[in-house]
Amino acid sequence: MNDRVQLGYQLARVCVQTTQDGRLWLAGFHHSGDTVSQACVQELVRAGERIARIRPRRRTELVQKRLQTFEPLLARYARLVRRQEDRITHCRQWNFHRNERFVF
């Protein structure tokens, strides 16, 4: 495949950029065209960590902070969904009672 993207394939590569040496390519993989990007990224991260012999600290506290930021928005959406469900229930009940009067 010669480091080229070919029909039906995708190329994924990982590199490190330094001020002294510029880009240093660590690894590259060919994947079929239907490979999910998450699988490609996971493979690249593992290869980069294995070759560089380091594993950066995962900053899970930042994920927690982002989740807390979105909690009010998610609560608002949950309220809107409940309101719409209540309206649907009310419409169904009204329609049922309306049709009940016209039974022959």
PDB file of N, CA and C in Angstrom:
ATOM      1  N   MET A   1       0.811  -1.193   0.000  1.00  0.00           N
ATOM      2  CA  MET A   1       0.000   0.000   0.000  1.00  0.00           C
ATOM      3  C   MET A   1       0.854   1.256   0.000  1.00  0.00           C
ATOM      4  N   ASN A   2       2.073   1.176   0.357  1.00  0.00           N
ATOM      5  CA  ASN A   2       3.070   2.234   0.200  1.00  0.00           C
ATOM      6  C   ASN A   2       2.675   3.586   0.779  1.00  0.00           C
ATOM      7  N   ASP A   3       2.060   3.599   1.940  1.00  0.00           N
ATOM      8  CA  ASP A   3       1.743   4.854   2.603  1.00  0.00           C
ATOM      9  C   ASP A   3       0.829   5.750   1.766  1.00  0.00           C
ATOM     10  N   ARG A   4       0.009   5.142   0.925  1.00  0.00           N
ATOM     11  CA  ARG A   4      -0.938   5.894   0.095  1.00  0.00           C
ATOM     12  C   ARG A   4      -2.352   5.474   0.464  1.00  0.00           C
ATOM     13  N   VAL A   5      -3.248   6.396   0.316  1.00  0.00           N
ATOM     14  CA  VAL A   5      -4.658   6.079   0.499  1.00  0.00           C
ATOM     15  C   VAL A   5      -5.162   5.502  -0.814  1.00  0.00           C
ATOM     16  N   GLN A   6      -5.770   4.334  -0.746  1.00  0.00           N
ATOM     17  CA  GLN A   6      -6.281   3.687  -1.944  1.00  0.00           C
ATOM     18  C   GLN A   6      -7.792   3.566  -1.845  1.00  0.00           C
ATOM     19  N   LEU A   7      -8.414   3.267  -2.932  1.00  0.00           N
ATOM     20  CA  LEU A   7      -9.855   3.156  -2.991  1.00  0.00           C
ATOM     21  C   LEU A   7     -10.356   2.159  -1.944  1.00  0.00           C
ATOM     22  N   GLY A   8     -11.277   2.615  -1.098  1.00  0.00           N
ATOM     23  CA  GLY A   8     -11.861   1.750  -0.085  1.00  0.00           C
ATOM     24  C   GLY A   8     -11.049   1.639   1.194  1.00  0.00           C
ATOM     25  N   TYR A   9      -9.966   2.402   1.313  1.00  0.00           N
ATOM     26  CA  TYR A   9      -9.122   2.354   2.507  1.00  0.00           C
ATOM     27  C   TYR A   9      -8.936   3.755   3.057  1.00  0.00           C
ATOM     28  N   GLN A  10      -8.562   3.823   4.313  1.00  0.00           N
ATOM     29  CA  GLN A  10      -8.190   5.095   4.912  1.00  0.00           C
ATOM     30  C   GLN A  10      -6.882   4.921   5.667  1.00  0.00           C
ATOM     31  N   LEU A  11      -6.096   5.965   5.716  1.00  0.00           N
ATOM     32  CA  LEU A  11      -4.797   5.938   6.370  1.00  0.00           C
ATOM     33  C   LEU A  11      -4.881   6.741   7.652  1.00  0.00           C
ATOM     34  N   ALA A  12      -4.389   6.176   8.736  1.00  0.00           N
ATOM     35  CA  ALA A  12      -4.343   6.872  10.020  1.00  0.00           C
ATOM     36  C   ALA A  12      -2.903   6.890  10.482  1.00  0.00           C
ATOM     37  N   ARG A  13      -2.404   8.090  10.818  1.00  0.00           N
ATOM     38  CA  ARG A  13      -1.019   8.201  11.273  1.00  0.00           C
ATOM     39  C   ARG A  13      -0.958   9.071  12.518  1.00  0.00           C
ATOM     40  N   VAL A  14       0.030   8.787  13.353  1.00  0.00           N
ATOM     41  CA  VAL A  14       0.227   9.575  14.567  1.00  0.00           C
ATOM     42  C   VAL A  14       1.655  10.099  14.570  1.00  0.00           C
ATOM     43  N   CYS A  15       1.793  11.347  15.003  1.00  0.00           N
ATOM     44  CA  CYS A  15       3.123  11.949  15.043  1.00  0.00           C
ATOM     45  C   CYS A  15       3.268  12.807  16.292  1.00  0.00           C
ATOM     46  N   VAL A  16       4.504  13.141  16.600  1.00  0.00           N
ATOM     47  CA  VAL A  16       4.842  14.062  17.677  1.00  0.00           C
ATOM     48  C   VAL A  16       5.566  15.226  17.024  1.00  0.00           C
ATOM     49  N   GLN A  17       5.225  16.431  17.414  1.00  0.00           N
ATOM     50  CA  GLN A  17       5.898  17.592  16.844  1.00  0.00           C
ATOM     51  C   GLN A  17       6.745  18.239  17.927  1.00  0.00           C
ATOM     52  N   THR A  18       8.014  18.410  17.619  1.00  0.00           N
ATOM     53  CA  THR A  18       8.939  19.043  18.546  1.00  0.00           C
ATOM     54  C   THR A  18       9.505  20.300  17.917  1.00  0.00           C
ATOM     55  N   THR A  19       9.989  21.195  18.756  1.00  0.00           N
ATOM     56  CA  THR A  19      10.588  22.427  18.225  1.00  0.00           C
ATOM     57  C   THR A  19      11.938  22.142  17.587  1.00  0.00           C
ATOM     58  N   GLN A  20      12.621  21.124  18.058  1.00  0.00           N
ATOM     59  CA  GLN A  20      13.959  20.829  17.554  1.00  0.00           C
ATOM     60  C   GLN A  20      13.936  20.000  16.266  1.00  0.00           C
ATOM     61  N   ASP A  21      13.141  18.948  16.242  1.00  0.00           N
ATOM     62  CA  ASP A  21      13.165  18.025  15.109  1.00  0.00           C
ATOM     63  C   ASP A  21      11.970  18.145  14.174  1.00  0.00           C
ATOM     64  N   GLY A  22      11.021  18.971  14.493  1.00  0.00           N
ATOM     65  CA  GLY A  22       9.814  19.044  13.674  1.00  0.00           C
ATOM     66  C   GLY A  22       8.922  17.846  13.935  1.00  0.00           C
ATOM     67  N   ARG A  23       8.310  17.330  12.886  1.00  0.00           N
ATOM     68  CA  ARG A  23       7.414  16.186  13.043  1.00  0.00           C
ATOM     69  C   ARG A  23       8.175  14.878  13.040  1.00  0.00           C
ATOM     70  N   LEU A  24       7.822  14.031  13.988  1.00  0.00           N
ATOM     71  CA  LEU A  24       8.379  12.690  14.073  1.00  0.00           C
ATOM     72  C   LEU A  24       7.203  11.719  13.985  1.00  0.00           C
ATOM     73  N   TRP A  25       7.144  10.973  12.870  1.00  0.00           N
ATOM     74  CA  TRP A  25       6.041  10.041  12.676  1.00  0.00           C
ATOM     75  C   TRP A  25       6.268   8.793  13.516  1.00  0.00           C
ATOM     76  N   LEU A  26       5.305   8.453  14.351  1.00  0.00           N
ATOM     77  CA  LEU A  26       5.440   7.315  15.256  1.00  0.00           C
ATOM     78  C   LEU A  26       4.846   6.039  14.670  1.00  0.00           C
ATOM     79  N   ALA A  27       3.686   6.144  14.050  1.00  0.00           N
ATOM     80  CA  ALA A  27       3.025   4.948  13.529  1.00  0.00           C
ATOM     81  C   ALA A  27       1.988   5.342  12.492  1.00  0.00           C
ATOM     82  N   GLY A  28       1.637   4.368  11.679  1.00  0.00           N
ATOM     83  CA  GLY A  28       0.597   4.580  10.683  1.00  0.00           C
ATOM     84  C   GLY A  28      -0.091   3.265  10.380  1.00  0.00           C
ATOM     85  N   PHE A  29      -1.369   3.328  10.088  1.00  0.00           N
ATOM     86  CA  PHE A  29      -2.150   2.119   9.841  1.00  0.00           C
ATOM     87  C   PHE A  29      -3.093   2.343   8.679  1.00  0.00           C
ATOM     88  N   HIS A  30      -3.286   1.317   7.894  1.00  0.00           N
ATOM     89  CA  HIS A  30      -4.325   1.313   6.866  1.00  0.00           C
ATOM     90  C   HIS A  30      -5.548   0.619   7.440  1.00  0.00           C
ATOM     91  N   HIS A  31      -6.692   1.208   7.193  1.00  0.00           N
ATOM     92  CA  HIS A  31      -7.952   0.626   7.651  1.00  0.00           C
ATOM     93  C   HIS A  31      -8.898   0.540   6.467  1.00  0.00           C
ATOM     94  N   SER A  32      -9.806  -0.404   6.542  1.00  0.00           N
ATOM     95  CA  SER A  32     -10.832  -0.450   5.502  1.00  0.00           C
ATOM     96  C   SER A  32     -11.689   0.805   5.616  1.00  0.00           C
ATOM     97  N   GLY A  33     -12.333   1.163   4.551  1.00  0.00           N
ATOM     98  CA  GLY A  33     -13.086   2.411   4.509  1.00  0.00           C
ATOM     99  C   GLY A  33     -14.244   2.498   5.464  1.00  0.00           C
ATOM    100  N   ASP A  34     -14.717   1.373   5.985  1.00  0.00           N
ATOM    101  CA  ASP A  34     -15.868   1.400   6.891  1.00  0.00           C
ATOM    102  C   ASP A  34     -15.477   1.324   8.367  1.00  0.00           C
ATOM    103  N   THR A  35     -14.186   1.497   8.668  1.00  0.00           N
ATOM    104  CA  THR A  35     -13.732   1.459  10.061  1.00  0.00           C
ATOM    105  C   THR A  35     -14.217   2.712  10.787  1.00  0.00           C
ATOM    106  N   VAL A  36     -14.729   2.536  11.987  1.00  0.00           N
ATOM    107  CA  VAL A  36     -15.228   3.653  12.787  1.00  0.00           C
ATOM    108  C   VAL A  36     -14.042   4.461  13.303  1.00  0.00           C
ATOM    109  N   SER A  37     -14.154   5.793  13.285  1.00  0.00           N
ATOM    110  CA  SER A  37     -13.034   6.652  13.651  1.00  0.00           C
ATOM    111  C   SER A  37     -12.558   6.425  15.083  1.00  0.00           C
ATOM    112  N   GLN A  38     -13.469   6.068  15.989  1.00  0.00           N
ATOM    113  CA  GLN A  38     -13.071   5.830  17.377  1.00  0.00           C
ATOM    114  C   GLN A  38     -12.064   4.688  17.468  1.00  0.00           C
ATOM    115  N   ALA A  39     -12.263   3.641  16.704  1.00  0.00           N
ATOM    116  CA  ALA A  39     -11.326   2.511  16.708  1.00  0.00           C
ATOM    117  C   ALA A  39      -9.967   2.950  16.163  1.00  0.00           C
ATOM    118  N   CYS A  40      -9.972   3.792  15.141  1.00  0.00           N
ATOM    119  CA  CYS A  40      -8.704   4.294  14.587  1.00  0.00           C
ATOM    120  C   CYS A  40      -7.950   5.115  15.628  1.00  0.00           C
ATOM    121  N   VAL A  41      -8.654   6.002  16.296  1.00  0.00           N
ATOM    122  CA  VAL A  41      -8.009   6.867  17.294  1.00  0.00           C
ATOM    123  C   VAL A  41      -7.447   6.043  18.441  1.00  0.00           C
ATOM    124  N   GLN A  42      -8.213   5.074  18.918  1.00  0.00           N
ATOM    125  CA  GLN A  42      -7.721   4.237  20.014  1.00  0.00           C
ATOM    126  C   GLN A  42      -6.445   3.503  19.601  1.00  0.00           C
ATOM    127  N   GLU A  43      -6.411   2.972  18.399  1.00  0.00           N
ATOM    128  CA  GLU A  43      -5.225   2.263  17.921  1.00  0.00           C
ATOM    129  C   GLU A  43      -4.029   3.215  17.813  1.00  0.00           C
ATOM    130  N   LEU A  44      -4.262   4.429  17.333  1.00  0.00           N
ATOM    131  CA  LEU A  44      -3.182   5.406  17.210  1.00  0.00           C
ATOM    132  C   LEU A  44      -2.652   5.836  18.572  1.00  0.00           C
ATOM    133  N   VAL A  45      -3.537   6.043  19.520  1.00  0.00           N
ATOM    134  CA  VAL A  45      -3.109   6.446  20.867  1.00  0.00           C
ATOM    135  C   VAL A  45      -2.264   5.349  21.494  1.00  0.00           C
ATOM    136  N   ARG A  46      -2.726   4.109  21.402  1.00  0.00           N
ATOM    137  CA  ARG A  46      -1.954   2.990  21.969  1.00  0.00           C
ATOM    138  C   ARG A  46      -0.587   2.873  21.311  1.00  0.00           C
ATOM    139  N   ALA A  47      -0.541   2.998  19.983  1.00  0.00           N
ATOM    140  CA  ALA A  47       0.741   2.892  19.268  1.00  0.00           C
ATOM    141  C   ALA A  47       1.672   4.028  19.665  1.00  0.00           C
ATOM    142  N   GLY A  48       1.139   5.239  19.751  1.00  0.00           N
ATOM    143  CA  GLY A  48       1.965   6.379  20.148  1.00  0.00           C
ATOM    144  C   GLY A  48       2.531   6.223  21.551  1.00  0.00           C
ATOM    145  N   GLU A  49       1.693   5.765  22.473  1.00  0.00           N
ATOM    146  CA  GLU A  49       2.152   5.548  23.851  1.00  0.00           C
ATOM    147  C   GLU A  49       3.185   4.428  23.917  1.00  0.00           C
ATOM    148  N   ARG A  50       2.971   3.358  23.150  1.00  0.00           N
ATOM    149  CA  ARG A  50       3.905   2.233  23.154  1.00  0.00           C
ATOM    150  C   ARG A  50       5.272   2.655  22.590  1.00  0.00           C
ATOM    151  N   ILE A  51       5.273   3.377  21.486  1.00  0.00           N
ATOM    152  CA  ILE A  51       6.536   3.770  20.856  1.00  0.00           C
ATOM    153  C   ILE A  51       7.253   4.841  21.673  1.00  0.00           C
ATOM    154  N   ALA A  52       6.513   5.813  22.190  1.00  0.00           N
ATOM    155  CA  ALA A  52       7.136   6.886  22.976  1.00  0.00           C
ATOM    156  C   ALA A  52       7.486   6.429  24.394  1.00  0.00           C
ATOM    157  N   ARG A  53       6.945   5.299  24.797  1.00  0.00           N
ATOM    158  CA  ARG A  53       7.162   4.720  26.131  1.00  0.00           C
ATOM    159  C   ARG A  53       6.696   5.639  27.256  1.00  0.00           C
ATOM    160  N   ILE A  54       5.633   6.361  26.981  1.00  0.00           N
ATOM    161  CA  ILE A  54       5.011   7.189  28.015  1.00  0.00           C
ATOM    162  C   ILE A  54       3.503   7.073  27.867  1.00  0.00           C
ATOM    163  N   ARG A  55       2.832   7.307  28.950  1.00  0.00           N
ATOM    164  CA  ARG A  55       1.369   7.345  28.908  1.00  0.00           C
ATOM    165  C   ARG A  55       0.945   8.607  29.640  1.00  0.00           C
ATOM    166  N   PRO A  56       0.506   9.609  28.881  1.00  0.00           N
ATOM    167  CA  PRO A  56       0.106  10.859  29.533  1.00  0.00           C
ATOM    168  C   PRO A  56      -1.007  10.646  30.539  1.00  0.00           C
ATOM    169  N   ARG A  57      -1.024  11.489  31.539  1.00  0.00           N
ATOM    170  CA  ARG A  57      -2.067  11.429  32.559  1.00  0.00           C
ATOM    171  C   ARG A  57      -3.410  11.758  31.924  1.00  0.00           C
ATOM    172  N   ARG A  58      -4.407  10.936  32.213  1.00  0.00           N
ATOM    173  CA  ARG A  58      -5.754  11.180  31.711  1.00  0.00           C
ATOM    174  C   ARG A  58      -6.406  12.224  32.622  1.00  0.00           C
ATOM    175  N   ARG A  59      -6.947  13.252  32.035  1.00  0.00           N
ATOM    176  CA  ARG A  59      -7.500  14.355  32.825  1.00  0.00           C
ATOM    177  C   ARG A  59      -9.003  14.184  32.991  1.00  0.00           C
ATOM    178  N   THR A  60      -9.362  13.226  33.832  1.00  0.00           N
ATOM    179  CA  THR A  60     -10.780  12.920  34.031  1.00  0.00           C
ATOM    180  C   THR A  60     -11.514  14.052  34.742  1.00  0.00           C
ATOM    181  N   GLU A  61     -10.806  14.872  35.502  1.00  0.00           N
ATOM    182  CA  GLU A  61     -11.467  15.983  36.187  1.00  0.00           C
ATOM    183  C   GLU A  61     -12.031  16.991  35.184  1.00  0.00           C
ATOM    184  N   LEU A  62     -11.406  17.094  34.013  1.00  0.00           N
ATOM    185  CA  LEU A  62     -11.933  17.992  32.993  1.00  0.00           C
ATOM    186  C   LEU A  62     -13.241  17.455  32.410  1.00  0.00           C
ATOM    187  N   VAL A  63     -13.339  16.140  32.294  1.00  0.00           N
ATOM    188  CA  VAL A  63     -14.588  15.541  31.824  1.00  0.00           C
ATOM    189  C   VAL A  63     -15.695  15.817  32.832  1.00  0.00           C
ATOM    190  N   GLN A  64     -15.390  15.662  34.125  1.00  0.00           N
ATOM    191  CA  GLN A  64     -16.374  15.941  35.175  1.00  0.00           C
ATOM    192  C   GLN A  64     -16.829  17.394  35.108  1.00  0.00           C
ATOM    193  N   LYS A  65     -15.891  18.296  34.891  1.00  0.00           N
ATOM    194  CA  LYS A  65     -16.210  19.720  34.814  1.00  0.00           C
ATOM    195  C   LYS A  65     -17.139  20.007  33.631  1.00  0.00           C
ATOM    196  N   ARG A  66     -16.867  19.395  32.492  1.00  0.00           N
ATOM    197  CA  ARG A  66     -17.722  19.594  31.318  1.00  0.00           C
ATOM    198  C   ARG A  66     -19.113  19.025  31.543  1.00  0.00           C
ATOM    199  N   LEU A  67     -19.191  17.857  32.201  1.00  0.00           N
ATOM    200  CA  LEU A  67     -20.493  17.269  32.496  1.00  0.00           C
ATOM    201  C   LEU A  67     -21.304  18.182  33.413  1.00  0.00           C
ATOM    202  N   GLN A  68     -20.648  18.762  34.416  1.00  0.00           N
ATOM    203  CA  GLN A  68     -21.344  19.670  35.328  1.00  0.00           C
ATOM    204  C   GLN A  68     -21.834  20.912  34.601  1.00  0.00           C
ATOM    205  N   THR A  69     -21.083  21.358  33.610  1.00  0.00           N
ATOM    206  CA  THR A  69     -21.482  22.521  32.826  1.00  0.00           C
ATOM    207  C   THR A  69     -22.766  22.247  32.060  1.00  0.00           C
ATOM    208  N   PHE A  70     -22.926  21.023  31.568  1.00  0.00           N
ATOM    209  CA  PHE A  70     -24.081  20.685  30.753  1.00  0.00           C
ATOM    210  C   PHE A  70     -25.278  20.187  31.552  1.00  0.00           C
ATOM    211  N   GLU A  71     -25.131  19.964  32.855  1.00  0.00           N
ATOM    212  CA  GLU A  71     -26.249  19.457  33.656  1.00  0.00           C
ATOM    213  C   GLU A  71     -27.486  20.350  33.599  1.00  0.00           C
ATOM    214  N   PRO A  72     -27.358  21.677  33.724  1.00  0.00           N
ATOM    215  CA  PRO A  72     -28.569  22.512  33.630  1.00  0.00           C
ATOM    216  C   PRO A  72     -29.257  22.397  32.267  1.00  0.00           C
ATOM    217  N   LEU A  73     -28.486  22.320  31.211  1.00  0.00           N
ATOM    218  CA  LEU A  73     -29.056  22.180  29.879  1.00  0.00           C
ATOM    219  C   LEU A  73     -29.780  20.845  29.730  1.00  0.00           C
ATOM    220  N   LEU A  74     -29.173  19.778  30.231  1.00  0.00           N
ATOM    221  CA  LEU A  74     -29.815  18.467  30.181  1.00  0.00           C
ATOM    222  C   LEU A  74     -31.098  18.448  31.009  1.00  0.00           C
ATOM    223  N   ALA A  75     -31.076  19.115  32.162  1.00  0.00           N
ATOM    224  CA  ALA A  75     -32.285  19.181  33.002  1.00  0.00           C
ATOM    225  C   ALA A  75     -33.388  19.936  32.276  1.00  0.00           C
ATOM    226  N   ARG A  76     -33.026  20.997  31.584  1.00  0.00           N
ATOM    227  CA  ARG A  76     -34.020  21.761  30.810  1.00  0.00           C
ATOM    228  C   ARG A  76     -34.643  20.882  29.732  1.00  0.00           C
ATOM    229  N   TYR A  77     -33.800  20.157  29.005  1.00  0.00           N
ATOM    230  CA  TYR A  77     -34.316  19.265  27.953  1.00  0.00           C
ATOM    231  C   TYR A  77     -35.221  18.190  28.545  1.00  0.00           C
ATOM    232  N   ALA A  78     -34.872  17.680  29.706  1.00  0.00           N
ATOM    233  CA  ALA A  78     -35.710  16.658  30.350  1.00  0.00           C
ATOM    234  C   ALA A  78     -37.077  17.251  30.709  1.00  0.00           C
ATOM    235  N   ARG A  79     -37.088  18.508  31.194  1.00  0.00           N
ATOM    236  CA  ARG A  79     -38.363  19.165  31.501  1.00  0.00           C
ATOM    237  C   ARG A  79     -39.202  19.355  30.242  1.00  0.00           C
ATOM    238  N   LEU A  80     -38.554  19.765  29.149  1.00  0.00           N
ATOM    239  CA  LEU A  80     -39.270  19.955  27.886  1.00  0.00           C
ATOM    240  C   LEU A  80     -39.863  18.641  27.374  1.00  0.00           C
ATOM    241  N   VAL A  81     -39.109  17.561  27.508  1.00  0.00           N
ATOM    242  CA  VAL A  81     -39.606  16.251  27.084  1.00  0.00           C
ATOM    243  C   VAL A  81     -40.819  15.858  27.922  1.00  0.00           C
ATOM    244  N   ARG A  82     -40.733  16.042  29.235  1.00  0.00           N
ATOM    245  CA  ARG A  82     -41.872  15.713  30.108  1.00  0.00           C
ATOM    246  C   ARG A  82     -43.102  16.544  29.742  1.00  0.00           C
ATOM    247  N   ARG A  83     -42.893  17.829  29.455  1.00  0.00           N
ATOM    248  CA  ARG A  83     -44.013  18.692  29.083  1.00  0.00           C
ATOM    249  C   ARG A  83     -44.664  18.203  27.784  1.00  0.00           C
ATOM    250  N   GLN A  84     -43.850  17.835  26.813  1.00  0.00           N
ATOM    251  CA  GLN A  84     -44.405  17.339  25.544  1.00  0.00           C
ATOM    252  C   GLN A  84     -45.134  16.010  25.739  1.00  0.00           C
ATOM    253  N   GLU A  85     -44.586  15.146  26.589  1.00  0.00           N
ATOM    254  CA  GLU A  85     -45.260  13.874  26.865  1.00  0.00           C
ATOM    255  C   GLU A  85     -46.609  14.110  27.528  1.00  0.00           C
ATOM    256  N   ASP A  86     -46.668  15.090  28.445  1.00  0.00           N
ATOM    257  CA  ASP A  86     -47.941  15.429  29.098  1.00  0.00           C
ATOM    258  C   ASP A  86     -48.945  15.954  28.077  1.00  0.00           C
ATOM    259  N   ARG A  87     -48.495  16.769  27.151  1.00  0.00           N
ATOM    260  CA  ARG A  87     -49.387  17.296  26.117  1.00  0.00           C
ATOM    261  C   ARG A  87     -49.915  16.177  25.215  1.00  0.00           C
ATOM    262  N   ILE A  88     -49.044  15.255  24.877  1.00  0.00           N
ATOM    263  CA  ILE A  88     -49.465  14.124  24.034  1.00  0.00           C
ATOM    264  C   ILE A  88     -50.519  13.301  24.760  1.00  0.00           C
ATOM    265  N   THR A  89     -50.279  13.026  26.040  1.00  0.00           N
ATOM    266  CA  THR A  89     -51.246  12.265  26.836  1.00  0.00           C
ATOM    267  C   THR A  89     -52.585  12.994  26.884  1.00  0.00           C
ATOM    268  N   HIS A  90     -52.548  14.308  27.121  1.00  0.00           N
ATOM    269  CA  HIS A  90     -53.777  15.099  27.182  1.00  0.00           C
ATOM    270  C   HIS A  90     -54.523  15.051  25.850  1.00  0.00           C
ATOM    271  N   CYS A  91     -53.813  15.184  24.739  1.00  0.00           N
ATOM    272  CA  CYS A  91     -54.447  15.134  23.414  1.00  0.00           C
ATOM    273  C   CYS A  91     -55.061  13.764  23.140  1.00  0.00           C
ATOM    274  N   ARG A  92     -54.377  12.729  23.539  1.00  0.00           N
ATOM    275  CA  ARG A  92     -54.921  11.385  23.320  1.00  0.00           C
ATOM    276  C   ARG A  92     -56.188  11.169  24.134  1.00  0.00           C
ATOM    277  N   GLN A  93     -56.175  11.647  25.379  1.00  0.00           N
ATOM    278  CA  GLN A  93     -57.368  11.500  26.222  1.00  0.00           C
ATOM    279  C   GLN A  93     -58.524  12.317  25.662  1.00  0.00           C
ATOM    280  N   TRP A  94     -58.259  13.542  25.227  1.00  0.00           N
ATOM    281  CA  TRP A  94     -59.298  14.388  24.657  1.00  0.00           C
ATOM    282  C   TRP A  94     -59.876  13.753  23.401  1.00  0.00           C
ATOM    283  N   ASN A  95     -58.999  13.228  22.543  1.00  0.00           N
ATOM    284  CA  ASN A  95     -59.440  12.596  21.306  1.00  0.00           C
ATOM    285  C   ASN A  95     -60.271  11.342  21.601  1.00  0.00           C
ATOM    286  N   PHE A  96     -59.874  10.579  22.614  1.00  0.00           N
ATOM    287  CA  PHE A  96     -60.611   9.374  22.989  1.00  0.00           C
ATOM    288  C   PHE A  96     -62.021   9.744  23.442  1.00  0.00           C
ATOM    289  N   HIS A  97     -62.139  10.737  24.319  1.00  0.00           N
ATOM    290  CA  HIS A  97     -63.450  11.147  24.834  1.00  0.00           C
ATOM    291  C   HIS A  97     -64.304  11.770  23.736  1.00  0.00           C
ATOM    292  N   ARG A  98     -63.671  12.485  22.825  1.00  0.00           N
ATOM    293  CA  ARG A  98     -64.395  13.099  21.706  1.00  0.00           C
ATOM    294  C   ARG A  98     -64.986  12.024  20.803  1.00  0.00           C
ATOM    295  N   ASN A  99     -64.202  10.997  20.503  1.00  0.00           N
ATOM    296  CA  ASN A  99     -64.676   9.914  19.639  1.00  0.00           C
ATOM    297  C   ASN A  99     -65.719   9.048  20.331  1.00  0.00           C
ATOM    298  N   GLU A 100     -65.688   9.006  21.647  1.00  0.00           N
ATOM    299  CA  GLU A 100     -66.626   8.199  22.417  1.00  0.00           C
ATOM    300  C   GLU A 100     -68.071   8.717  22.249  1.00  0.00           C
ATOM    301  N   ARG A 101     -68.215   9.997  22.082  1.00  0.00           N
ATOM    302  CA  ARG A 101     -69.548  10.596  21.955  1.00  0.00           C
ATOM    303  C   ARG A 101     -70.207  10.269  20.620  1.00  0.00           C
ATOM    304  N   PHE A 102     -69.434   9.968  19.612  1.00  0.00           N
ATOM    305  CA  PHE A 102     -69.973   9.750  18.283  1.00  0.00           C
ATOM    306  C   PHE A 102     -70.090   8.275  17.902  1.00  0.00           C
ATOM    307  N   VAL A 103     -70.063   7.399  18.868  1.00  0.00           N
ATOM    308  CA  VAL A 103     -70.215   5.971  18.598  1.00  0.00           C
ATOM    309  C   VAL A 103     -71.680   5.697  18.295  1.00  0.00           C
ATOM    310  N   PHE A 104     -71.935   4.964  17.214  1.00  0.00           N
ATOM    311  CA  PHE A 104     -73.317   4.645  16.794  1.00  0.00           C
ATOM    312  C   PHE A 104     -73.766   3.321  17.326  1.00  0.00           C
TER     313      PHE A 104
END
